[in-house]
C-alpha atoms as a PDB file:
ATOM      1  CA  MET A   1       4.764  35.280  -7.816  1.00  0.00           C
ATOM      2  CA  ASN A   2       7.024  34.709  -4.907  1.00  0.00           C
ATOM      3  CA  LEU A   3       7.450  30.893  -4.647  1.00  0.00           C
ATOM      4  CA  ILE A   4       9.061  28.428  -2.265  1.00  0.00           C
ATOM      5  CA  ILE A   5      10.008  24.926  -3.332  1.00  0.00           C
ATOM      6  CA  ILE A   6      10.639  22.443  -0.493  1.00  0.00           C
ATOM      7  CA  THR A   7      12.682  19.361  -1.161  1.00  0.00           C
ATOM      8  CA  PRO A   8      14.041  16.986   1.564  1.00  0.00           C
ATOM      9  CA  ALA A   9      17.218  16.510  -0.485  1.00  0.00           C
ATOM     10  CA  GLY A  10      20.027  18.836   0.695  1.00  0.00           C
ATOM     11  CA  PRO A  11      22.066  21.222  -1.390  1.00  0.00           C
ATOM     12  CA  ASP A  12      24.901  18.733  -2.000  1.00  0.00           C
ATOM     13  CA  SER A  13      22.536  15.965  -2.960  1.00  0.00           C
ATOM     14  CA  LYS A  14      22.371  14.667  -6.635  1.00  0.00           C
ATOM     15  CA  ALA A  15      19.008  12.915  -5.735  1.00  0.00           C
ATOM     16  CA  GLY A  16      16.313  13.193  -8.454  1.00  0.00           C
ATOM     17  CA  ASN A  17      14.098  15.309  -6.353  1.00  0.00           C
ATOM     18  CA  ARG A  18      16.848  17.827  -5.705  1.00  0.00           C
ATOM     19  CA  ALA A  19      17.396  17.994  -9.502  1.00  0.00           C
ATOM     20  CA  THR A  20      13.695  18.400 -10.081  1.00  0.00           C
ATOM     21  CA  ALA A  21      13.575  21.325  -7.522  1.00  0.00           C
ATOM     22  CA  LEU A  22      16.434  23.073  -9.123  1.00  0.00           C
ATOM     23  CA  ARG A  23      15.166  22.606 -12.661  1.00  0.00           C
ATOM     24  CA  TRP A  24      11.722  23.888 -11.643  1.00  0.00           C
ATOM     25  CA  GLN A  25      13.411  26.893  -9.946  1.00  0.00           C
ATOM     26  CA  GLN A  26      15.118  27.730 -13.231  1.00  0.00           C
ATOM     27  CA  LEU A  27      12.042  27.279 -15.440  1.00  0.00           C
ATOM     28  CA  LEU A  28       9.851  29.389 -13.079  1.00  0.00           C
ATOM     29  CA  GLN A  29      12.430  32.085 -12.818  1.00  0.00           C
ATOM     30  CA  GLN A  30      12.537  32.202 -16.624  1.00  0.00           C
ATOM     31  CA  ALA A  31       8.783  32.785 -16.446  1.00  0.00           C
ATOM     32  CA  GLY A  32       9.312  35.749 -14.184  1.00  0.00           C
ATOM     33  CA  HIS A  33       8.750  34.300 -10.744  1.00  0.00           C
ATOM     34  CA  LYS A  34      10.988  34.600  -7.691  1.00  0.00           C
ATOM     35  CA  VAL A  35      11.797  31.137  -6.490  1.00  0.00           C
ATOM     36  CA  ASP A  36      13.664  29.852  -3.401  1.00  0.00           C
ATOM     37  CA  VAL A  37      14.598  26.139  -2.899  1.00  0.00           C
ATOM     38  CA  LEU A  38      14.652  25.114   0.775  1.00  0.00           C
ATOM     39  CA  THR A  39      15.015  21.836   2.644  1.00  0.00           C
ATOM     40  CA  GLN A  40      12.879  22.990   5.596  1.00  0.00           C
ATOM     41  CA  TYR A  41       9.980  25.415   6.026  1.00  0.00           C
ATOM     42  CA  GLN A  42      10.420  27.850   8.790  1.00  0.00           C
ATOM     43  CA  GLY A  43       7.481  30.189   8.417  1.00  0.00           C
ATOM     44  CA  GLU A  44       8.781  32.107   5.387  1.00  0.00           C
ATOM     45  CA  ASP A  45       6.228  34.242   3.588  1.00  0.00           C
ATOM     46  CA  CYS A  46       5.446  33.427  -0.034  1.00  0.00           C
ATOM     47  CA  ASP A  47       2.610  33.507  -2.496  1.00  0.00           C
ATOM     48  CA  LEU A  48       2.614  29.745  -3.016  1.00  0.00           C
ATOM     49  CA  LEU A  49       4.559  26.804  -1.693  1.00  0.00           C
ATOM     50  CA  ILE A  50       5.483  23.675  -3.660  1.00  0.00           C
ATOM     51  CA  ALA A  51       6.401  20.614  -1.535  1.00  0.00           C
ATOM     52  CA  LEU A  52       8.155  17.696  -3.187  1.00  0.00           C
ATOM     53  CA  HIS A  53       6.994  14.537  -1.328  1.00  0.00           C
ATOM     54  CA  ALA A  54       3.785  14.212   0.425  1.00  0.00           C
ATOM     55  CA  TRP A  55       5.215  12.122   3.302  1.00  0.00           C
ATOM     56  CA  ARG A  56       8.842  13.405   3.612  1.00  0.00           C
ATOM     57  CA  SER A  57       7.700  17.005   3.495  1.00  0.00           C
ATOM     58  CA  SER A  58       4.616  16.469   5.641  1.00  0.00           C
ATOM     59  CA  LYS A  59       5.931  18.719   8.457  1.00  0.00           C
ATOM     60  CA  ALA A  60       6.571  21.548   6.042  1.00  0.00           C
ATOM     61  CA  VAL A  61       3.113  21.101   4.549  1.00  0.00           C
ATOM     62  CA  ASP A  62       1.515  21.123   7.973  1.00  0.00           C
ATOM     63  CA  ASP A  63       3.484  24.163   9.208  1.00  0.00           C
ATOM     64  CA  PHE A  64       2.717  26.132   6.061  1.00  0.00           C
ATOM     65  CA  ARG A  65      -1.006  25.337   6.201  1.00  0.00           C
ATOM     66  CA  LYS A  66      -1.251  26.257   9.860  1.00  0.00           C
ATOM     67  CA  ARG A  67       0.523  29.593   9.254  1.00  0.00           C
ATOM     68  CA  TRP A  68      -1.140  30.389   5.977  1.00  0.00           C
ATOM     69  CA  PRO A  69      -4.519  28.535   5.861  1.00  0.00           C
ATOM     70  CA  GLU A  70      -5.733  30.395   2.762  1.00  0.00           C
ATOM     71  CA  LYS A  71      -2.531  30.375   0.661  1.00  0.00           C
ATOM     72  CA  PRO A  72      -2.266  27.955  -2.355  1.00  0.00           C
ATOM     73  CA  LEU A  73      -0.123  24.786  -1.697  1.00  0.00           C
ATOM     74  CA  ILE A  74       1.106  22.345  -4.296  1.00  0.00           C
ATOM     75  CA  VAL A  75       2.208  18.800  -3.197  1.00  0.00           C
ATOM     76  CA  VAL A  76       4.208  16.653  -5.639  1.00  0.00           C
ATOM     77  CA  LEU A  77       3.609  12.970  -5.409  1.00  0.00           C
ATOM     78  CA  THR A  78       6.863  10.926  -5.690  1.00  0.00           C
ATOM     79  CA  GLY A  79       7.120   7.244  -6.377  1.00  0.00           C
ATOM     80  CA  THR A  80       7.587   6.358  -2.711  1.00  0.00           C
ATOM     81  CA  ASP A  81       4.665   8.428  -1.781  1.00  0.00           C
ATOM     82  CA  ILE A  82       2.389   6.536  -4.184  1.00  0.00           C
ATOM     83  CA  TYR A  83       3.754   3.055  -3.894  1.00  0.00           C
ATOM     84  CA  PHE A  84       5.039   2.880  -0.320  1.00  0.00           C
ATOM     85  CA  HIS A  85       4.317   5.764   2.004  1.00  0.00           C
ATOM     86  CA  GLN A  86       0.563   5.912   1.406  1.00  0.00           C
ATOM     87  CA  HIS A  87       0.337   2.343   2.521  1.00  0.00           C
ATOM     88  CA  GLU A  88       2.867   2.314   5.326  1.00  0.00           C
ATOM     89  CA  PHE A  89       2.244   5.875   6.693  1.00  0.00           C
ATOM     90  CA  PRO A  90      -1.228   6.781   5.391  1.00  0.00           C
ATOM     91  CA  GLU A  91      -2.021   9.292   8.102  1.00  0.00           C
ATOM     92  CA  ALA A  92       0.844  11.675   7.338  1.00  0.00           C
ATOM     93  CA  THR A  93       0.760  11.090   3.589  1.00  0.00           C
ATOM     94  CA  TYR A  94      -2.933  11.653   3.195  1.00  0.00           C
ATOM     95  CA  ALA A  95      -2.773  14.627   5.535  1.00  0.00           C
ATOM     96  CA  SER A  96      -0.404  16.310   3.137  1.00  0.00           C
ATOM     97  CA  MET A  97      -2.740  15.459   0.172  1.00  0.00           C
ATOM     98  CA  ASP A  98      -5.751  16.788   2.059  1.00  0.00           C
ATOM     99  CA  LYS A  99      -4.039  20.082   2.709  1.00  0.00           C
ATOM    100  CA  ALA A 100      -2.876  20.567  -0.849  1.00  0.00           C
ATOM    101  CA  SER A 101      -4.625  22.978  -3.114  1.00  0.00           C
ATOM    102  CA  LEU A 102      -3.256  20.900  -6.098  1.00  0.00           C
ATOM    103  CA  LEU A 103      -1.461  17.541  -6.448  1.00  0.00           C
ATOM    104  CA  ILE A 104       1.162  16.949  -9.147  1.00  0.00           C
ATOM    105  CA  GLY A 105       1.797  13.484 -10.478  1.00  0.00           C
ATOM    106  CA  LEU A 106       4.803  12.770 -12.717  1.00  0.00           C
ATOM    107  CA  HIS A 107       3.367  10.036 -14.904  1.00  0.00           C
ATOM    108  CA  ASP A 108       0.053   9.450 -16.635  1.00  0.00           C
ATOM    109  CA  LEU A 109      -1.173   6.617 -14.427  1.00  0.00           C
ATOM    110  CA  VAL A 110      -0.805   8.214 -11.002  1.00  0.00           C
ATOM    111  CA  GLY A 111      -4.589   8.729 -10.751  1.00  0.00           C
ATOM    112  CA  GLN A 112      -5.160   4.961 -10.836  1.00  0.00           C
ATOM    113  CA  ASP A 113      -2.924   4.524  -7.820  1.00  0.00           C
ATOM    114  CA  ILE A 114      -4.229   7.124  -5.374  1.00  0.00           C
ATOM    115  CA  PRO A 115      -7.621   7.229  -3.633  1.00  0.00           C
ATOM    116  CA  GLU A 116     -10.429   8.533  -5.870  1.00  0.00           C
ATOM    117  CA  ARG A 117     -11.100  11.424  -3.609  1.00  0.00           C
ATOM    118  CA  TYR A 118      -7.819  13.057  -4.617  1.00  0.00           C
ATOM    119  CA  ARG A 119      -8.107  12.651  -8.428  1.00  0.00           C
ATOM    120  CA  ASN A 120     -10.066  15.847  -8.946  1.00  0.00           C
ATOM    121  CA  LYS A 121      -7.101  17.963  -7.836  1.00  0.00           C
ATOM    122  CA  LEU A 122      -4.354  15.932  -9.633  1.00  0.00           C
ATOM    123  CA  LEU A 123      -2.347  17.421 -12.500  1.00  0.00           C
ATOM    124  CA  THR A 124       0.018  15.313 -14.563  1.00  0.00           C
ATOM    125  CA  LEU A 125       3.456  16.914 -15.406  1.00  0.00           C
ATOM    126  CA  ARG A 126       6.113  15.317 -17.378  1.00  0.00           C
ATOM    127  CA  GLN A 127       9.653  16.174 -16.288  1.00  0.00           C
ATOM    128  CA  SER A 128      11.927  17.527 -19.009  1.00  0.00           C
ATOM    129  CA  ALA A 129      15.546  17.013 -20.082  1.00  0.00           C
ATOM    130  CA  GLU A 130      17.791  19.187 -22.245  1.00  0.00           C
ATOM    131  CA  MET A 131      18.693  17.859 -25.704  1.00  0.00           C
ATOM    132  CA  PRO A 132      22.241  16.503 -25.401  1.00  0.00           C
ATOM    133  CA  ALA A 133      24.968  17.321 -27.874  1.00  0.00           C
ATOM    134  CA  PHE A 134      25.340  13.666 -28.980  1.00  0.00           C
ATOM    135  CA  ARG A 135      22.283  11.561 -29.586  1.00  0.00           C
ATOM    136  CA  GLY A 136      21.586   7.887 -30.357  1.00  0.00           C
ATOM    137  CA  ALA A 137      24.782   5.975 -29.527  1.00  0.00           C
ATOM    138  CA  ALA A 138      26.740   8.740 -31.320  1.00  0.00           C
ATOM    139  CA  ARG A 139      30.062   7.434 -29.927  1.00  0.00           C
ATOM    140  CA  ALA A 140      29.196   3.739 -29.630  1.00  0.00           C
ATOM    141  CA  VAL A 141      32.146   1.369 -29.429  1.00  0.00           C
ATOM    142  CA  PRO A 142      32.376  -0.897 -32.501  1.00  0.00           C
ATOM    143  CA  GLY A 143      32.024  -4.551 -31.758  1.00  0.00           C
ATOM    144  CA  GLN A 144      30.475  -3.921 -28.371  1.00  0.00           C
ATOM    145  CA  PHE A 145      26.870  -3.369 -27.249  1.00  0.00           C
ATOM    146  CA  ASN A 146      26.900  -1.003 -24.267  1.00  0.00           C
ATOM    147  CA  ILE A 147      24.040  -0.804 -21.814  1.00  0.00           C
ATOM    148  CA  ALA A 148      23.594   1.953 -19.307  1.00  0.00           C
ATOM    149  CA  VAL A 149      22.029   1.827 -15.885  1.00  0.00           C
ATOM    150  CA  ILE A 150      21.749   5.226 -14.228  1.00  0.00           C
ATOM    151  CA  GLY A 151      20.531   6.100 -10.721  1.00  0.00           C
ATOM    152  CA  HIS A 152      21.297   5.812  -7.138  1.00  0.00           C
ATOM    153  CA  LEU A 153      21.920   2.211  -6.076  1.00  0.00           C
ATOM    154  CA  ARG A 154      19.017   1.277  -3.775  1.00  0.00           C
ATOM    155  CA  ASP A 155      16.249  -1.265  -3.318  1.00  0.00           C
ATOM    156  CA  GLU A 156      13.555   0.768  -5.143  1.00  0.00           C
ATOM    157  CA  LYS A 157      15.748   0.893  -8.275  1.00  0.00           C
ATOM    158  CA  ASP A 158      16.679  -2.764  -8.283  1.00  0.00           C
ATOM    159  CA  SER A 159      20.009  -1.453  -9.476  1.00  0.00           C
ATOM    160  CA  LEU A 160      21.927  -4.620 -10.205  1.00  0.00           C
ATOM    161  CA  ARG A 161      19.150  -6.397 -12.101  1.00  0.00           C
ATOM    162  CA  ALA A 162      20.783  -5.742 -15.563  1.00  0.00           C
ATOM    163  CA  ALA A 163      24.194  -6.894 -14.140  1.00  0.00           C
ATOM    164  CA  TRP A 164      22.555 -10.173 -12.972  1.00  0.00           C
ATOM    165  CA  ALA A 165      20.724 -10.542 -16.299  1.00  0.00           C
ATOM    166  CA  SER A 166      24.024 -10.214 -18.131  1.00  0.00           C
ATOM    167  CA  ARG A 167      25.308 -13.313 -16.477  1.00  0.00           C
ATOM    168  CA  GLN A 168      22.680 -15.243 -18.340  1.00  0.00           C
ATOM    169  CA  LEU A 169      23.673 -14.049 -21.810  1.00  0.00           C
ATOM    170  CA  PRO A 170      25.009 -16.359 -24.444  1.00  0.00           C
ATOM    171  CA  GLU A 171      28.749 -16.472 -24.912  1.00  0.00           C
ATOM    172  CA  ASP A 172      28.545 -14.741 -28.330  1.00  0.00           C
ATOM    173  CA  SER A 173      26.975 -11.607 -26.804  1.00  0.00           C
ATOM    174  CA  THR A 174      29.095  -8.462 -26.696  1.00  0.00           C
ATOM    175  CA  ILE A 175      26.937  -6.802 -24.109  1.00  0.00           C
ATOM    176  CA  MET A 176      28.628  -4.698 -21.423  1.00  0.00           C
ATOM    177  CA  VAL A 177      26.638  -3.114 -18.586  1.00  0.00           C
ATOM    178  CA  SER A 178      27.825   0.092 -17.114  1.00  0.00           C
ATOM    179  CA  CYS A 179      26.089   1.364 -13.893  1.00  0.00           C
ATOM    180  CA  ALA A 180      26.439   4.932 -12.676  1.00  0.00           C
ATOM    181  CA  GLY A 181      25.116   6.001  -9.332  1.00  0.00           C
ATOM    182  CA  LYS A 182      25.857   6.639  -5.706  1.00  0.00           C
ATOM    183  CA  PRO A 183      25.166   3.601  -3.400  1.00  0.00           C
ATOM    184  CA  HIS A 184      22.478   4.203  -0.787  1.00  0.00           C
ATOM    185  CA  ASN A 185      24.497   2.516   1.914  1.00  0.00           C
ATOM    186  CA  ASP A 186      27.587   0.364   2.459  1.00  0.00           C
ATOM    187  CA  GLU A 187      25.632  -2.760   1.654  1.00  0.00           C
ATOM    188  CA  TRP A 188      24.923  -1.449  -1.883  1.00  0.00           C
ATOM    189  CA  ARG A 189      28.514  -0.261  -2.320  1.00  0.00           C
ATOM    190  CA  ASP A 190      29.825  -3.744  -1.426  1.00  0.00           C
ATOM    191  CA  ARG A 191      27.300  -5.391  -3.684  1.00  0.00           C
ATOM    192  CA  ALA A 192      28.328  -3.185  -6.630  1.00  0.00           C
ATOM    193  CA  LEU A 193      32.078  -3.686  -5.995  1.00  0.00           C
ATOM    194  CA  GLN A 194      31.661  -7.453  -5.663  1.00  0.00           C
ATOM    195  CA  GLU A 195      29.503  -7.686  -8.932  1.00  0.00           C
ATOM    196  CA  SER A 196      32.230  -5.688 -10.670  1.00  0.00           C
ATOM    197  CA  ARG A 197      34.901  -8.134  -9.561  1.00  0.00           C
ATOM    198  CA  ASP A 198      32.921 -11.264 -10.369  1.00  0.00           C
ATOM    199  CA  ASN A 199      31.050 -10.258 -13.551  1.00  0.00           C
ATOM    200  CA  PRO A 200      33.183  -9.465 -16.525  1.00  0.00           C
ATOM    201  CA  ARG A 201      30.183  -7.934 -18.299  1.00  0.00           C
ATOM    202  CA  PHE A 202      29.552  -5.328 -15.542  1.00  0.00           C
ATOM    203  CA  HIS A 203      31.257  -2.134 -14.494  1.00  0.00           C
ATOM    204  CA  TRP A 204      30.132   0.020 -11.636  1.00  0.00           C
ATOM    205  CA  LEU A 205      31.346   3.580 -12.408  1.00  0.00           C
ATOM    206  CA  GLY A 206      30.283   5.233  -9.092  1.00  0.00           C
ATOM    207  CA  GLU A 207      28.596   8.655  -9.059  1.00  0.00           C
ATOM    208  CA  LEU A 208      29.319  10.706 -12.198  1.00  0.00           C
ATOM    209  CA  ASN A 209      29.030  14.304 -12.871  1.00  0.00           C
ATOM    210  CA  ALA A 210      26.851  15.690 -15.608  1.00  0.00           C
ATOM    211  CA  PRO A 211      29.537  15.734 -18.448  1.00  0.00           C
ATOM    212  CA  GLU A 212      30.567  12.206 -17.483  1.00  0.00           C
ATOM    213  CA  LEU A 213      26.927  11.057 -17.581  1.00  0.00           C
ATOM    214  CA  ALA A 214      26.452  12.661 -20.996  1.00  0.00           C
ATOM    215  CA  ASN A 215      29.525  10.751 -22.259  1.00  0.00           C
ATOM    216  CA  LEU A 216      28.219   7.475 -20.849  1.00  0.00           C
ATOM    217  CA  VAL A 217      24.913   7.949 -22.710  1.00  0.00           C
ATOM    218  CA  ALA A 218      26.724   8.846 -25.922  1.00  0.00           C
ATOM    219  CA  VAL A 219      28.655   5.594 -25.955  1.00  0.00           C
ATOM    220  CA  CYS A 220      25.724   3.294 -24.992  1.00  0.00           C
ATOM    221  CA  ASN A 221      23.281   1.483 -27.294  1.00  0.00           C
ATOM    222  CA  LEU A 222      20.582   0.994 -24.774  1.00  0.00           C
ATOM    223  CA  MET A 223      19.415   2.031 -21.283  1.00  0.00           C
ATOM    224  CA  VAL A 224      17.895  -0.439 -18.686  1.00  0.00           C
ATOM    225  CA  ILE A 225      15.478   0.970 -16.040  1.00  0.00           C
ATOM    226  CA  SER A 226      14.764  -1.859 -13.648  1.00  0.00           C
ATOM    227  CA  SER A 227      12.978  -0.058 -10.772  1.00  0.00           C
ATOM    228  CA  VAL A 228      10.378  -1.820  -8.680  1.00  0.00           C
ATOM    229  CA  MET A 229       8.677   1.642  -8.054  1.00  0.00           C
ATOM    230  CA  GLU A 230       8.846   4.935  -9.775  1.00  0.00           C
ATOM    231  CA  GLY A 231       6.836   8.120  -9.577  1.00  0.00           C
ATOM    232  CA  GLY A 232       7.974   9.170 -13.024  1.00  0.00           C
ATOM    233  CA  ALA A 233      11.751   8.766 -13.455  1.00  0.00           C
ATOM    234  CA  ASN A 234      13.592  11.683 -14.936  1.00  0.00           C
ATOM    235  CA  VAL A 235      16.066   9.160 -16.497  1.00  0.00           C
ATOM    236  CA  VAL A 236      13.237   8.253 -18.869  1.00  0.00           C
ATOM    237  CA  SER A 237      13.076  11.804 -20.014  1.00  0.00           C
ATOM    238  CA  GLU A 238      16.864  11.941 -20.376  1.00  0.00           C
ATOM    239  CA  ALA A 239      17.055   8.751 -22.405  1.00  0.00           C
ATOM    240  CA  CYS A 240      14.192   9.769 -24.745  1.00  0.00           C
ATOM    241  CA  ARG A 241      15.759  13.168 -25.339  1.00  0.00           C
ATOM    242  CA  ALA A 242      19.125  11.454 -26.112  1.00  0.00           C
ATOM    243  CA  GLY A 243      17.510   9.105 -28.571  1.00  0.00           C
ATOM    244  CA  LEU A 244      18.620   6.110 -26.382  1.00  0.00           C
ATOM    245  CA  PRO A 245      16.275   3.119 -26.538  1.00  0.00           C
ATOM    246  CA  ILE A 246      14.899   1.841 -23.228  1.00  0.00           C
ATOM    247  CA  ILE A 247      14.149  -1.543 -21.696  1.00  0.00           C
ATOM    248  CA  ALA A 248      12.072  -0.961 -18.623  1.00  0.00           C
ATOM    249  CA  SER A 249      10.459  -2.862 -15.745  1.00  0.00           C
ATOM    250  CA  ASP A 250       6.666  -3.257 -16.179  1.00  0.00           C
ATOM    251  CA  ILE A 251       5.463  -0.836 -13.472  1.00  0.00           C
ATOM    252  CA  PRO A 252       2.941   2.009 -13.570  1.00  0.00           C
ATOM    253  CA  GLY A 253       5.705   4.625 -13.281  1.00  0.00           C
ATOM    254  CA  ASN A 254       7.371   3.426 -16.502  1.00  0.00           C
ATOM    255  CA  ARG A 255       4.115   2.593 -18.353  1.00  0.00           C
ATOM    256  CA  GLY A 256       2.741   6.072 -17.459  1.00  0.00           C
ATOM    257  CA  LEU A 257       5.676   7.682 -19.409  1.00  0.00           C
ATOM    258  CA  LEU A 258       6.524   5.133 -22.115  1.00  0.00           C
ATOM    259  CA  GLY A 259       2.891   4.057 -22.878  1.00  0.00           C
ATOM    260  CA  ASP A 260       1.036   0.760 -22.486  1.00  0.00           C
ATOM    261  CA  ASP A 261       2.039  -0.409 -25.958  1.00  0.00           C
ATOM    262  CA  TYR A 262       5.761   0.169 -25.548  1.00  0.00           C
ATOM    263  CA  PRO A 263       7.500  -3.064 -26.679  1.00  0.00           C
ATOM    264  CA  GLY A 264      10.391  -2.908 -24.202  1.00  0.00           C
ATOM    265  CA  PHE A 265       8.848  -3.990 -20.876  1.00  0.00           C
ATOM    266  CA  PHE A 266       9.946  -6.937 -18.749  1.00  0.00           C
ATOM    267  CA  PRO A 267       8.417  -8.317 -15.500  1.00  0.00           C
ATOM    268  CA  VAL A 268       9.762  -6.718 -12.387  1.00  0.00           C
ATOM    269  CA  GLY A 269      12.811  -8.660 -10.999  1.00  0.00           C
ATOM    270  CA  ASP A 270      12.844 -11.225 -13.778  1.00  0.00           C
ATOM    271  CA  GLU A 271      16.446 -11.155 -14.976  1.00  0.00           C
ATOM    272  CA  ALA A 272      15.903 -14.096 -17.394  1.00  0.00           C
ATOM    273  CA  ALA A 273      13.253 -12.068 -19.217  1.00  0.00           C
ATOM    274  CA  LEU A 274      15.496  -9.024 -19.047  1.00  0.00           C
ATOM    275  CA  ALA A 275      18.420 -10.996 -20.456  1.00  0.00           C
ATOM    276  CA  ASP A 276      16.181 -12.166 -23.359  1.00  0.00           C
ATOM    277  CA  LEU A 277      15.255  -8.578 -24.174  1.00  0.00           C
ATOM    278  CA  MET A 278      18.807  -7.269 -23.877  1.00  0.00           C
ATOM    279  CA  TYR A 279      20.084 -10.017 -26.220  1.00  0.00           C
ATOM    280  CA  ARG A 280      17.177  -9.324 -28.600  1.00  0.00           C
ATOM    281  CA  ALA A 281      18.043  -5.598 -28.761  1.00  0.00           C
ATOM    282  CA  GLU A 282      21.695  -6.483 -29.466  1.00  0.00           C
ATOM    283  CA  ASN A 283      20.965  -8.882 -32.357  1.00  0.00           C
ATOM    284  CA  ASP A 284      17.491  -7.887 -33.718  1.00  0.00           C
ATOM    285  CA  GLY A 285      17.945  -4.700 -35.643  1.00  0.00           C
ATOM    286  CA  ALA A 286      14.300  -4.257 -36.323  1.00  0.00           C
ATOM    287  CA  PHE A 287      13.426  -4.489 -32.570  1.00  0.00           C
ATOM    288  CA  LEU A 288      16.165  -1.990 -31.574  1.00  0.00           C
ATOM    289  CA  SER A 289      15.020   0.306 -34.325  1.00  0.00           C
ATOM    290  CA  GLU A 290      11.379   0.206 -33.065  1.00  0.00           C
ATOM    291  CA  LEU A 291      12.495   1.055 -29.554  1.00  0.00           C
ATOM    292  CA  THR A 292      14.564   4.000 -30.933  1.00  0.00           C
ATOM    293  CA  GLN A 293      11.682   5.256 -32.944  1.00  0.00           C
ATOM    294  CA  ARG A 294       9.401   5.122 -29.893  1.00  0.00           C
ATOM    295  CA  VAL A 295      11.773   7.136 -27.754  1.00  0.00           C
ATOM    296  CA  ASN A 296      12.435   9.670 -30.458  1.00  0.00           C
ATOM    297  CA  VAL A 297       8.592  10.303 -30.702  1.00  0.00           C
ATOM    298  CA  LEU A 298       8.326  10.549 -26.924  1.00  0.00           C
ATOM    299  CA  ALA A 299      11.200  12.994 -26.756  1.00  0.00           C
ATOM    300  CA  GLU A 300       8.826  15.799 -27.790  1.00  0.00           C
ATOM    301  CA  THR A 301       6.815  15.321 -24.612  1.00  0.00           C
ATOM    302  CA  PHE A 302       9.845  15.899 -22.444  1.00  0.00           C
ATOM    303  CA  THR A 303      10.911  19.339 -23.480  1.00  0.00           C
ATOM    304  CA  PRO A 304      11.691  22.165 -21.017  1.00  0.00           C
ATOM    305  CA  GLU A 305       9.084  24.317 -22.730  1.00  0.00           C
ATOM    306  CA  GLN A 306       6.393  21.685 -22.224  1.00  0.00           C
ATOM    307  CA  GLU A 307       7.403  21.349 -18.495  1.00  0.00           C
ATOM    308  CA  ARG A 308       7.395  25.100 -18.016  1.00  0.00           C
ATOM    309  CA  GLN A 309       3.875  25.337 -19.481  1.00  0.00           C
ATOM    310  CA  SER A 310       2.723  22.547 -17.170  1.00  0.00           C
ATOM    311  CA  LEU A 311       4.196  24.372 -14.164  1.00  0.00           C
ATOM    312  CA  GLU A 312       2.469  27.616 -15.161  1.00  0.00           C
ATOM    313  CA  LYS A 313      -0.795  25.654 -15.498  1.00  0.00           C
ATOM    314  CA  ALA A 314      -0.286  24.105 -11.949  1.00  0.00           C
ATOM    315  CA  LEU A 315       0.286  27.605 -10.493  1.00  0.00           C
ATOM    316  CA  ALA A 316      -2.917  28.871 -12.135  1.00  0.00           C
ATOM    317  CA  LEU A 317      -4.952  25.924 -10.902  1.00  0.00           C
ATOM    318  CA  ALA A 318      -3.665  26.125  -7.385  1.00  0.00           C
ATOM    319  CA  VAL A 319      -4.607  29.825  -6.956  1.00  0.00           C
ATOM    320  CA  GLN A 320      -8.165  29.476  -8.191  1.00  0.00           C
END
């Protein structure tokens, strides 16, 4: 098939949705399809269009449907679509969902958080990650418990929550929090720089390239995902494939990937509860081992082959 993937994130962006678009392009090309990744739709012909974001790509969705009323169209629901845009901008968001032949959700609980009328055309797809060369704190620093926070610094990610939690740790803790990500704006940059100056347990590393991120994961004992909303964070896939245990905010996007019975959840925005879990992971070997065993089991659900099969299923359903 001749496919187009629309993502609002430009070619130079390291945003998650750009990474998703490029990974899907590669997986679908491996399956024999021709795939172009575009930031705007300008009337190009194709057999099927995949639009990342119901709201941000609403113009592309509308333009495609007007030009090709009978062609299959897949709309991918992101975290901001589900937990923000459908409430703040329902007309444009639901218009995209109405026009879609198929909707893709990126975690298992998406169906609970969208109107019932859309659930019959929803397919869940788990984003994949490659198996890294080093797994499970392979290069951990002796005498230091390193925690990674990875992702763009912005409100939705609550990016400094682990840093603030580290301020509440007992003096005997050896925890160090390393945060990697590009700030959304100057305010977030200033916050990260100030926290790095004031908090001896925190380092902001800025935006890292892929080898640098892989090295960070290899030297860390734990990952914290503190988001207030997620549509199915790829960083969960990456941590699980790396055998890196996770402590995560108790939100549908994390529960929908890690499972309702995952033992490493904390209430959103509660740095005291997060500090308790971080300290427990550092000092309670059985707890850390349980988290590690859980992510190792989940790693098998985040393979590129599984994702490719889900994409092929989505194409088949969309063209019915």
